[in-house]
């Protein structure tokens, strides 16, 4: 089985985190890992939060909850209600 660091490197190069890779990361995190693996995982989290890496699971969730597909990295807009 690949290390967390190896898997993260592949995900960062692809710019896309598949559901399968996400599951593999979960499994790898339940076993012993080193500082390099932990740092790589944090880097992946930051990449996902800033939009450098898209997440298949998040995209599926957005599609299923709205019935529409959001453009990646686009902010959601909410209507504001003004009080008088």
Protein backbone atom coordinates (compact mmCIF):
# COMPACT_ATOMS: atom_id res chain seq x y z
CA UNK A 1 0.00 0.00 0.00
CA UNK A 2 1.29 3.47 -0.90
CA UNK A 3 2.19 5.99 1.76
CA UNK A 4 0.07 9.03 2.49
CA UNK A 5 2.80 11.26 1.05
CA UNK A 6 2.85 9.31 -2.23
CA UNK A 7 -0.92 9.39 -2.55
CA UNK A 8 -1.11 13.11 -1.75
CA UNK A 9 1.55 13.86 -4.37
CA UNK A 10 -0.53 12.08 -7.02
CA UNK A 11 -3.69 13.94 -5.95
CA UNK A 12 -1.95 17.32 -6.02
CA UNK A 13 -0.57 16.64 -9.50
CA UNK A 14 -4.02 15.63 -10.75
CA UNK A 15 -5.77 18.48 -8.95
CA UNK A 16 -8.60 16.13 -8.12
CA UNK A 17 -9.41 13.98 -5.08
CA UNK A 18 -11.49 10.98 -6.07
CA UNK A 19 -13.78 9.18 -3.66
CA UNK A 20 -11.53 6.12 -3.93
CA UNK A 21 -8.42 8.14 -3.00
CA UNK A 22 -10.32 9.73 -0.11
CA UNK A 23 -11.21 6.27 1.21
CA UNK A 24 -7.62 5.12 0.82
CA UNK A 25 -6.41 8.15 2.78
CA UNK A 26 -8.87 7.33 5.58
CA UNK A 27 -7.51 3.79 5.78
CA UNK A 28 -3.91 4.97 5.75
CA UNK A 29 -4.62 7.45 8.54
CA UNK A 30 -5.82 4.63 10.81
CA UNK A 31 -2.42 2.95 10.70
CA UNK A 32 0.95 4.29 11.73
CA UNK A 33 2.19 7.31 9.76
CA UNK A 34 5.16 9.65 10.04
CA UNK A 35 5.64 13.42 10.13
CA UNK A 36 6.13 13.57 6.35
CA UNK A 37 2.77 11.87 5.83
CA UNK A 38 1.04 14.20 8.28
CA UNK A 39 2.54 17.29 6.61
CA UNK A 40 1.46 15.99 3.20
CA UNK A 41 -2.08 15.46 4.48
CA UNK A 42 -2.22 19.01 5.86
CA UNK A 43 -0.98 20.30 2.49
CA UNK A 44 -3.78 18.39 0.78
CA UNK A 45 -6.37 19.84 3.15
CA UNK A 46 -5.13 23.36 2.42
CA UNK A 47 -5.21 22.68 -1.32
CA UNK A 48 -8.81 21.46 -1.08
CA UNK A 49 -9.87 24.45 1.02
CA UNK A 50 -8.34 26.95 -1.39
CA UNK A 51 -9.70 25.23 -4.50
CA UNK A 52 -6.39 23.99 -5.90
CA UNK A 53 -7.75 20.46 -5.55
CA UNK A 54 -11.35 19.57 -6.37
CA UNK A 55 -13.13 16.89 -4.36
CA UNK A 56 -15.38 14.39 -6.08
CA UNK A 57 -17.33 13.75 -2.88
CA UNK A 58 -18.04 17.45 -2.37
CA UNK A 59 -19.10 17.91 -5.98
CA UNK A 60 -21.48 14.96 -5.73
CA UNK A 61 -22.93 16.30 -2.50
CA UNK A 62 -23.51 19.71 -4.05
CA UNK A 63 -25.20 18.19 -7.09
CA UNK A 64 -27.44 15.94 -5.02
CA UNK A 65 -28.51 18.66 -2.60
CA UNK A 66 -29.38 21.21 -5.26
CA UNK A 67 -29.97 19.22 -8.39
CA UNK A 68 -27.50 21.52 -10.10
CA UNK A 69 -23.79 21.37 -10.71
CA UNK A 70 -21.71 24.18 -9.27
CA UNK A 71 -18.71 25.49 -11.12
CA UNK A 72 -15.57 24.49 -9.24
CA UNK A 73 -14.10 27.18 -6.99
CA UNK A 74 -17.09 29.46 -7.39
CA UNK A 75 -18.52 31.02 -4.25
CA UNK A 76 -22.11 30.27 -3.40
CA UNK A 77 -24.34 33.29 -3.38
CA UNK A 78 -27.09 33.77 -0.87
CA UNK A 79 -29.97 36.22 -1.05
CA UNK A 80 -29.88 38.77 1.70
CA UNK A 81 -32.97 39.89 3.51
CA UNK A 82 -32.96 43.52 4.49
CA UNK A 83 -34.75 44.58 7.63
CA UNK A 84 -36.61 47.85 7.68
